[in-house]
Amino acid sequence: MPDRDIFKKAAVENRIILTFDFDFGEIVALSHESPVSVFLFRVRNTTKSFVIKRLEQVLRLFPQTRPAIVVIEDSRHRIRTLPI
């Protein structure tokens, strides 16, 4: 599926996009459509267990009431609420 179609589907279905692809953050930041949250992984350890562990840690702190771009790194994360 093209990136824009994934973004549109996530908006319609009120979903969060989990990705290692930097394009999604840019699409969300520049979009004038209904924003969705994007969790962008910038981790060295891409094993499934590590990625799930980091996702669980960040989800505990994530303000689910506002769409955001969340950059998840090995030992830290950044949350930028939308619109930027």
C-alpha atoms as a PDB file:
ATOM      1  CA  MET A   1       0.000   0.000   0.000  1.00  0.00           C
ATOM      2  CA  PRO A   2       1.371   3.488  -0.738  1.00  0.00           C
ATOM      3  CA  ASP A   3       2.210   5.630   2.308  1.00  0.00           C
ATOM      4  CA  ARG A   4      -0.633   8.060   1.721  1.00  0.00           C
ATOM      5  CA  ASP A   5      -3.167   5.224   1.555  1.00  0.00           C
ATOM      6  CA  ILE A   6      -1.903   3.816   4.849  1.00  0.00           C
ATOM      7  CA  PHE A   7      -2.200   7.281   6.394  1.00  0.00           C
ATOM      8  CA  LYS A   8      -5.766   7.708   5.101  1.00  0.00           C
ATOM      9  CA  LYS A   9      -6.781   4.236   6.332  1.00  0.00           C
ATOM     10  CA  ALA A  10      -5.323   4.960   9.783  1.00  0.00           C
ATOM     11  CA  ALA A  11      -7.264   8.236   9.945  1.00  0.00           C
ATOM     12  CA  VAL A  12     -10.550   6.589   8.938  1.00  0.00           C
ATOM     13  CA  GLU A  13     -10.068   3.715  11.397  1.00  0.00           C
ATOM     14  CA  ASN A  14      -8.649   5.912  14.207  1.00  0.00           C
ATOM     15  CA  ARG A  15      -5.420   3.900  14.406  1.00  0.00           C
ATOM     16  CA  ILE A  16      -1.790   4.574  15.334  1.00  0.00           C
ATOM     17  CA  ILE A  17       0.881   3.957  12.700  1.00  0.00           C
ATOM     18  CA  LEU A  18       3.946   2.054  13.936  1.00  0.00           C
ATOM     19  CA  THR A  19       6.881   2.392  11.569  1.00  0.00           C
ATOM     20  CA  PHE A  20      10.606   2.494  10.951  1.00  0.00           C
ATOM     21  CA  ASP A  21       9.905   4.662   7.855  1.00  0.00           C
ATOM     22  CA  PHE A  22      10.601   8.407   8.286  1.00  0.00           C
ATOM     23  CA  ASP A  23       8.154   9.334   5.504  1.00  0.00           C
ATOM     24  CA  PHE A  24       5.139   8.874   7.777  1.00  0.00           C
ATOM     25  CA  GLY A  25       6.274  11.549  10.213  1.00  0.00           C
ATOM     26  CA  GLU A  26       6.688  13.986   7.362  1.00  0.00           C
ATOM     27  CA  ILE A  27       3.279  13.125   5.875  1.00  0.00           C
ATOM     28  CA  VAL A  28       1.583  13.710   9.230  1.00  0.00           C
ATOM     29  CA  ALA A  29       3.471  16.941   9.919  1.00  0.00           C
ATOM     30  CA  LEU A  30       2.609  18.400   6.514  1.00  0.00           C
ATOM     31  CA  SER A  31      -0.910  17.025   6.213  1.00  0.00           C
ATOM     32  CA  HIS A  32      -3.981  19.192   6.521  1.00  0.00           C
ATOM     33  CA  GLU A  33      -6.191  16.128   6.860  1.00  0.00           C
ATOM     34  CA  SER A  34      -7.384  14.561  10.090  1.00  0.00           C
ATOM     35  CA  PRO A  35      -4.149  13.835  11.987  1.00  0.00           C
ATOM     36  CA  VAL A  36      -3.194  10.378  13.229  1.00  0.00           C
ATOM     37  CA  SER A  37      -0.468   9.401  15.631  1.00  0.00           C
ATOM     38  CA  VAL A  38       2.750   7.973  14.234  1.00  0.00           C
ATOM     39  CA  PHE A  39       5.221   6.043  16.371  1.00  0.00           C
ATOM     40  CA  LEU A  40       8.566   6.198  14.584  1.00  0.00           C
ATOM     41  CA  PHE A  41      11.190   3.727  15.757  1.00  0.00           C
ATOM     42  CA  ARG A  42      14.839   4.847  15.574  1.00  0.00           C
ATOM     43  CA  VAL A  43      16.354   1.934  17.434  1.00  0.00           C
ATOM     44  CA  ARG A  44      19.536  -0.027  16.839  1.00  0.00           C
ATOM     45  CA  ASN A  45      18.065  -3.201  18.268  1.00  0.00           C
ATOM     46  CA  THR A  46      15.208  -4.076  15.915  1.00  0.00           C
ATOM     47  CA  THR A  47      14.385  -7.436  17.431  1.00  0.00           C
ATOM     48  CA  LYS A  48      10.702  -7.988  17.993  1.00  0.00           C
ATOM     49  CA  SER A  49      11.087  -8.358  21.762  1.00  0.00           C
ATOM     50  CA  PHE A  50      13.016  -5.087  22.140  1.00  0.00           C
ATOM     51  CA  VAL A  51      10.657  -3.096  19.913  1.00  0.00           C
ATOM     52  CA  ILE A  52       7.624  -4.400  21.835  1.00  0.00           C
ATOM     53  CA  LYS A  53       9.297  -3.591  25.166  1.00  0.00           C
ATOM     54  CA  ARG A  54      10.036  -0.002  24.071  1.00  0.00           C
ATOM     55  CA  LEU A  55       6.507   0.379  22.670  1.00  0.00           C
ATOM     56  CA  GLU A  56       4.970  -0.785  25.946  1.00  0.00           C
ATOM     57  CA  GLN A  57       7.123   1.676  27.908  1.00  0.00           C
ATOM     58  CA  VAL A  58       6.101   4.610  25.735  1.00  0.00           C
ATOM     59  CA  LEU A  59       2.411   3.683  25.572  1.00  0.00           C
ATOM     60  CA  ARG A  60       2.219   4.012  29.354  1.00  0.00           C
ATOM     61  CA  LEU A  61       3.141   7.701  28.972  1.00  0.00           C
ATOM     62  CA  PHE A  62       1.373   8.488  25.706  1.00  0.00           C
ATOM     63  CA  PRO A  63      -1.409  11.136  25.875  1.00  0.00           C
ATOM     64  CA  GLN A  64      -3.983   9.202  23.854  1.00  0.00           C
ATOM     65  CA  THR A  65      -6.350  12.161  23.676  1.00  0.00           C
ATOM     66  CA  ARG A  66      -4.155  14.068  21.186  1.00  0.00           C
ATOM     67  CA  PRO A  67      -2.598  12.891  17.915  1.00  0.00           C
ATOM     68  CA  ALA A  68       1.205  13.015  17.998  1.00  0.00           C
ATOM     69  CA  ILE A  69       4.432  12.049  16.341  1.00  0.00           C
ATOM     70  CA  VAL A  70       6.358   9.860  18.775  1.00  0.00           C
ATOM     71  CA  VAL A  71      10.016   9.124  18.077  1.00  0.00           C
ATOM     72  CA  ILE A  72      11.180   6.052  19.982  1.00  0.00           C
ATOM     73  CA  GLU A  73      14.907   5.536  20.410  1.00  0.00           C
ATOM     74  CA  ASP A  74      16.892   2.904  22.323  1.00  0.00           C
ATOM     75  CA  SER A  75      16.787   4.700  25.664  1.00  0.00           C
ATOM     76  CA  ARG A  76      14.549   7.742  25.204  1.00  0.00           C
ATOM     77  CA  HIS A  77      11.540   9.017  23.300  1.00  0.00           C
ATOM     78  CA  ARG A  78      10.048  12.322  22.183  1.00  0.00           C
ATOM     79  CA  ILE A  79       6.368  13.147  21.863  1.00  0.00           C
ATOM     80  CA  ARG A  80       5.284  16.028  19.612  1.00  0.00           C
ATOM     81  CA  THR A  81       1.563  16.655  19.736  1.00  0.00           C
ATOM     82  CA  LEU A  82      -0.187  17.623  16.518  1.00  0.00           C
ATOM     83  CA  PRO A  83      -0.651  19.906  14.810  1.00  0.00           C
ATOM     84  CA  ILE A  84       2.997  20.996  14.898  1.00  0.00           C
END
